[in-house]
């Protein structure tokens, strides 16, 4: 799979707290105020799926 688009960072404490709530295993690695922990989403995204048996399929996100 190839993903392309514009990465938009949203690293408010509330966003980080929600990410840690949804993925509790990350709490072992990061905290809300950890500068190494970034949250982002993709705008104007497009995913292309490749297969060994067929043509690629592209999906706009």
C-alpha atoms as a PDB file:
ATOM      1  CA  UNK A   1       0.000   0.000   0.000  1.00  0.00           C
ATOM      2  CA  UNK A   2       1.187   3.497  -0.781  1.00  0.00           C
ATOM      3  CA  UNK A   3      -0.338   6.421   1.099  1.00  0.00           C
ATOM      4  CA  UNK A   4       0.008  10.032   0.038  1.00  0.00           C
ATOM      5  CA  UNK A   5      -1.515  13.273   1.218  1.00  0.00           C
ATOM      6  CA  UNK A   6      -0.898  16.187   3.546  1.00  0.00           C
ATOM      7  CA  UNK A   7       0.067  15.310   7.132  1.00  0.00           C
ATOM      8  CA  UNK A   8      -1.621  17.664   9.597  1.00  0.00           C
ATOM      9  CA  UNK A   9      -0.192  17.560  13.116  1.00  0.00           C
ATOM     10  CA  UNK A  10      -2.593  17.934  16.038  1.00  0.00           C
ATOM     11  CA  UNK A  11      -0.595  17.513  19.228  1.00  0.00           C
ATOM     12  CA  UNK A  12      -2.699  19.275  21.819  1.00  0.00           C
ATOM     13  CA  UNK A  13      -2.682  17.629  25.253  1.00  0.00           C
ATOM     14  CA  UNK A  14      -6.329  16.636  24.707  1.00  0.00           C
ATOM     15  CA  UNK A  15      -5.535  14.897  21.427  1.00  0.00           C
ATOM     16  CA  UNK A  16      -2.568  13.067  22.906  1.00  0.00           C
ATOM     17  CA  UNK A  17      -4.634  11.992  25.927  1.00  0.00           C
ATOM     18  CA  UNK A  18      -7.333  10.599  23.642  1.00  0.00           C
ATOM     19  CA  UNK A  19      -4.762   8.706  21.553  1.00  0.00           C
ATOM     20  CA  UNK A  20      -3.330   7.142  24.712  1.00  0.00           C
ATOM     21  CA  UNK A  21      -6.846   6.239  25.835  1.00  0.00           C
ATOM     22  CA  UNK A  22      -7.634   4.524  22.528  1.00  0.00           C
ATOM     23  CA  UNK A  23      -4.241   2.752  22.397  1.00  0.00           C
ATOM     24  CA  UNK A  24      -3.331   2.056  26.047  1.00  0.00           C
ATOM     25  CA  UNK A  25      -0.191   0.105  25.125  1.00  0.00           C
ATOM     26  CA  UNK A  26       1.400   3.412  24.068  1.00  0.00           C
ATOM     27  CA  UNK A  27       1.298   4.572  27.697  1.00  0.00           C
ATOM     28  CA  UNK A  28       4.330   2.346  28.301  1.00  0.00           C
ATOM     29  CA  UNK A  29       6.287   4.430  25.782  1.00  0.00           C
ATOM     30  CA  UNK A  30       4.838   7.958  25.833  1.00  0.00           C
ATOM     31  CA  UNK A  31       3.014  10.489  27.970  1.00  0.00           C
ATOM     32  CA  UNK A  32       0.779  13.444  27.138  1.00  0.00           C
ATOM     33  CA  UNK A  33       3.652  15.895  27.606  1.00  0.00           C
ATOM     34  CA  UNK A  34       6.285  13.810  25.809  1.00  0.00           C
ATOM     35  CA  UNK A  35       7.762  15.832  22.934  1.00  0.00           C
ATOM     36  CA  UNK A  36       8.575  12.599  21.057  1.00  0.00           C
ATOM     37  CA  UNK A  37       4.867  11.721  20.827  1.00  0.00           C
ATOM     38  CA  UNK A  38       3.090  13.308  17.846  1.00  0.00           C
ATOM     39  CA  UNK A  39      -0.463  12.860  16.600  1.00  0.00           C
ATOM     40  CA  UNK A  40      -1.394  13.584  12.997  1.00  0.00           C
ATOM     41  CA  UNK A  41      -4.038  12.893  10.394  1.00  0.00           C
ATOM     42  CA  UNK A  42      -3.967  12.897   6.602  1.00  0.00           C
ATOM     43  CA  UNK A  43      -5.831  15.475   4.505  1.00  0.00           C
ATOM     44  CA  UNK A  44      -6.400  15.078   0.785  1.00  0.00           C
ATOM     45  CA  UNK A  45      -5.310  11.484   1.187  1.00  0.00           C
ATOM     46  CA  UNK A  46      -5.050   8.771  -1.387  1.00  0.00           C
ATOM     47  CA  UNK A  47      -4.212   5.112  -0.792  1.00  0.00           C
ATOM     48  CA  UNK A  48      -3.060   2.824  -3.580  1.00  0.00           C
ATOM     49  CA  UNK A  49      -3.240  -0.910  -2.977  1.00  0.00           C
ATOM     50  CA  UNK A  50      -0.929  -3.153  -4.965  1.00  0.00           C
ATOM     51  CA  UNK A  51      -1.367  -6.848  -5.682  1.00  0.00           C
ATOM     52  CA  UNK A  52       0.826  -9.486  -7.263  1.00  0.00           C
ATOM     53  CA  UNK A  53      -2.219 -10.825  -9.118  1.00  0.00           C
ATOM     54  CA  UNK A  54      -4.033  -7.744 -10.369  1.00  0.00           C
ATOM     55  CA  UNK A  55      -3.992  -4.077 -11.167  1.00  0.00           C
ATOM     56  CA  UNK A  56      -3.428  -1.461  -8.454  1.00  0.00           C
ATOM     57  CA  UNK A  57      -6.549   0.033  -6.872  1.00  0.00           C
ATOM     58  CA  UNK A  58      -6.582   3.655  -5.667  1.00  0.00           C
ATOM     59  CA  UNK A  59      -8.965   5.004  -3.036  1.00  0.00           C
ATOM     60  CA  UNK A  60      -9.393   8.671  -2.141  1.00  0.00           C
ATOM     61  CA  UNK A  61      -9.567   9.191   1.608  1.00  0.00           C
END
